[in-house]
Amino acid sequence: MDYESQRTRDIGCWDIAPIGDALIAGWSSTTPTPDFALDDGYCGLLANLGVGPDADSALVQSLIADTKSHYTGDAGRQRARMCAINLRDRDGLHGRLSDVSCPVLWMHGTSDQVYSAANAQEEIIMFVNSKEARLVKVDGGQHFLSASNPAQVEPELAAFIGQYKA
């Protein structure tokens, strides 16, 4: 719920600036780039951050192929650049969390390389006006939790929805 702040870095979350700055510079162009394509290194890094270094190779290759298919040509380069700028420069949501009144289920992988479980523990309690704010840690889960651990996510999510369906 925070931006990529010093607080989040201090508790084990990633620091986007070193890679974000380089990506933004590399994806900036004043001329059209009709042949733009994301490279395997970047897509592999994204997959590693999302599902972890020990993920099934078929899942990793699927994520790489899917990512590459969405970011091609000049429009794809511009979208990729905007995503990187958003991650580097976005604001946090802490000041708005007290306005959330609906139930919150926050599932978080203990092996998430982007945002630490410690961060989730600190931020779940900020939903002070939520009907329920529950953190469920998934052992070994990665940043793309529903991809890395669907067997744990799906029943938990179904139960949560079932609990609150009208």
Protein backbone atom coordinates (compact mmCIF):
# COMPACT_ATOMS: atom_id res chain seq x y z
CA MET A 1 0.00 0.00 0.00
CA ASP A 2 3.08 2.20 0.31
CA TYR A 3 5.17 3.46 -2.56
CA GLU A 4 8.70 2.17 -3.01
CA SER A 5 9.82 4.12 0.05
CA GLN A 6 12.77 3.96 2.40
CA ARG A 7 10.42 2.32 4.93
CA THR A 8 9.63 -0.53 2.54
CA ARG A 9 13.27 -1.00 1.57
CA ASP A 10 14.24 -1.10 5.25
CA ILE A 11 11.94 -4.11 5.80
CA GLY A 12 13.11 -6.12 2.83
CA CYS A 13 11.10 -4.85 -0.13
CA TRP A 14 12.70 -4.18 -3.48
CA ASP A 15 14.31 -0.96 -4.68
CA ILE A 16 12.96 -0.20 -8.16
CA ALA A 17 15.16 2.85 -8.81
CA PRO A 18 18.35 1.09 -9.97
CA ILE A 19 16.55 -1.02 -12.57
CA GLY A 20 13.66 1.36 -13.20
CA ASP A 21 15.86 4.28 -14.16
CA ALA A 22 17.77 2.15 -16.67
CA LEU A 23 14.58 0.67 -18.13
CA ILE A 24 12.95 4.07 -18.53
CA ALA A 25 16.04 5.47 -20.24
CA GLY A 26 16.29 2.45 -22.53
CA TRP A 27 12.61 2.58 -23.44
CA SER A 28 12.58 6.32 -24.15
CA SER A 29 12.63 7.37 -27.79
CA THR A 30 11.75 10.45 -29.78
CA THR A 31 11.38 8.39 -32.94
CA PRO A 32 8.99 5.51 -33.61
CA THR A 33 10.21 2.03 -32.66
CA PRO A 34 8.09 -0.35 -34.76
CA ASP A 35 10.49 -3.25 -34.13
CA PHE A 36 10.56 -2.89 -30.33
CA ALA A 37 10.47 -6.13 -28.38
CA LEU A 38 11.27 -6.86 -24.76
CA ASP A 39 14.45 -8.86 -24.38
CA ASP A 40 14.67 -12.28 -22.79
CA GLY A 41 16.75 -10.94 -19.89
CA TYR A 42 14.10 -8.48 -18.78
CA CYS A 43 11.26 -10.96 -19.26
CA GLY A 44 13.23 -13.59 -17.35
CA LEU A 45 13.84 -11.12 -14.50
CA LEU A 46 10.14 -10.30 -14.37
CA ALA A 47 9.21 -14.00 -14.32
CA ASN A 48 11.79 -14.67 -11.59
CA LEU A 49 10.43 -11.84 -9.47
CA GLY A 50 6.90 -13.07 -10.06
CA VAL A 51 7.11 -16.82 -9.54
CA GLY A 52 10.59 -17.31 -8.08
CA PRO A 53 13.81 -18.87 -9.26
CA ASP A 54 12.62 -22.44 -8.67
CA ALA A 55 9.38 -22.19 -10.63
CA ASP A 56 8.38 -24.78 -13.19
CA SER A 57 10.16 -23.94 -16.46
CA ALA A 58 6.92 -24.28 -18.45
CA LEU A 59 5.28 -21.63 -16.25
CA VAL A 60 8.30 -19.34 -16.61
CA GLN A 61 8.38 -19.76 -20.40
CA SER A 62 4.64 -19.09 -20.57
CA LEU A 63 5.03 -15.88 -18.55
CA ILE A 64 7.92 -14.75 -20.74
CA ALA A 65 6.00 -15.41 -23.96
CA ASP A 66 2.86 -13.71 -22.63
CA THR A 67 4.81 -10.64 -21.47
CA LYS A 68 6.61 -10.36 -24.79
CA SER A 69 3.33 -10.59 -26.71
CA HIS A 70 1.86 -7.60 -24.84
CA TYR A 71 4.78 -5.22 -25.31
CA THR A 72 5.74 -5.04 -28.98
CA GLY A 73 6.22 -2.20 -31.39
CA ASP A 74 6.12 1.47 -30.53
CA ALA A 75 2.89 1.19 -28.51
CA GLY A 76 4.33 -1.72 -26.51
CA ARG A 77 7.50 0.23 -25.77
CA GLN A 78 5.46 3.19 -24.58
CA ARG A 79 3.29 0.96 -22.32
CA ALA A 80 6.35 -0.74 -20.84
CA ARG A 81 7.93 2.65 -20.18
CA MET A 82 4.76 3.95 -18.51
CA CYS A 83 4.65 0.85 -16.28
CA ALA A 84 8.26 1.42 -15.20
CA ILE A 85 7.60 5.11 -14.53
CA ASN A 86 4.53 4.21 -12.49
CA LEU A 87 6.48 1.77 -10.32
CA ARG A 88 9.32 4.23 -9.79
CA ASP A 89 7.24 7.37 -9.19
CA ARG A 90 3.88 6.28 -7.80
CA ASP A 91 2.43 7.60 -4.59
CA GLY A 92 1.35 5.48 -1.66
CA LEU A 93 -2.12 4.64 -0.47
CA HIS A 94 -1.58 4.89 3.29
CA GLY A 95 -3.57 8.12 3.60
CA ARG A 96 -6.59 6.52 1.92
CA LEU A 97 -6.74 3.14 3.65
CA SER A 98 -9.00 4.39 6.44
CA ASP A 99 -11.66 4.95 3.74
CA VAL A 100 -11.81 1.24 2.93
CA SER A 101 -14.79 -0.33 4.67
CA CYS A 102 -15.24 -3.53 2.67
CA PRO A 103 -13.69 -6.80 3.85
CA VAL A 104 -10.03 -7.25 2.88
CA LEU A 105 -8.28 -10.54 2.26
CA TRP A 106 -4.55 -10.00 1.76
CA MET A 107 -2.74 -13.14 0.71
CA HIS A 108 1.01 -12.78 0.69
CA GLY A 109 3.79 -15.18 -0.20
CA THR A 110 6.58 -15.57 2.33
CA SER A 111 9.11 -15.75 -0.52
CA ASP A 112 7.88 -12.66 -2.36
CA GLN A 113 11.03 -10.96 -3.68
CA VAL A 114 9.30 -7.65 -4.38
CA TYR A 115 7.31 -6.89 -1.21
CA SER A 116 8.22 -8.57 2.06
CA ALA A 117 5.86 -10.40 4.38
CA ALA A 118 6.93 -7.91 7.07
CA ASN A 119 5.50 -5.15 4.90
CA ALA A 120 2.18 -6.98 4.59
CA GLN A 121 2.05 -7.41 8.38
CA GLU A 122 2.59 -3.68 8.90
CA GLU A 123 0.08 -2.59 6.29
CA ILE A 124 -2.85 -4.93 6.91
CA ILE A 125 -3.53 -3.19 10.22
CA MET A 126 -3.95 0.11 8.36
CA PHE A 127 -7.39 -0.99 7.15
CA VAL A 128 -8.86 0.37 10.37
CA ASN A 129 -12.43 0.74 9.09
CA SER A 130 -12.66 -2.46 7.12
CA LYS A 131 -15.32 -4.94 8.18
CA GLU A 132 -12.51 -7.49 8.29
CA ALA A 133 -8.86 -7.16 7.31
CA ARG A 134 -7.15 -10.52 7.23
CA LEU A 135 -3.61 -11.41 6.20
CA VAL A 136 -2.97 -14.96 5.05
CA LYS A 137 0.69 -15.85 4.56
CA VAL A 138 1.43 -18.55 2.04
CA ASP A 139 4.64 -20.44 2.78
CA GLY A 140 6.99 -20.24 -0.17
CA GLY A 141 4.59 -18.08 -2.15
CA GLN A 142 5.99 -15.63 -4.66
CA HIS A 143 4.93 -12.18 -5.91
CA PHE A 144 2.57 -13.66 -8.54
CA LEU A 145 0.95 -15.68 -5.75
CA SER A 146 -1.97 -17.10 -7.72
CA ALA A 147 0.53 -18.40 -10.32
CA SER A 148 3.10 -19.75 -7.85
CA ASN A 149 0.64 -21.23 -5.35
CA PRO A 150 -2.82 -21.68 -6.90
CA ALA A 151 -3.62 -24.65 -4.66
CA GLN A 152 -3.42 -22.39 -1.59
CA VAL A 153 -4.91 -19.24 -3.12
CA GLU A 154 -8.01 -20.62 -4.82
CA PRO A 155 -9.74 -22.28 -1.83
CA GLU A 156 -8.90 -19.37 0.48
CA LEU A 157 -10.29 -16.88 -2.01
CA ALA A 158 -13.40 -18.97 -2.66
CA ALA A 159 -14.09 -19.23 1.08
CA PHE A 160 -13.63 -15.47 1.52
CA ILE A 161 -15.99 -14.68 -1.34
CA GLY A 162 -18.48 -17.23 -0.03
CA GLN A 163 -18.35 -15.64 3.41
CA TYR A 164 -19.28 -12.21 2.06
CA LYS A 165 -21.44 -12.87 -0.99
CA ALA A 166 -24.80 -11.14 -0.84
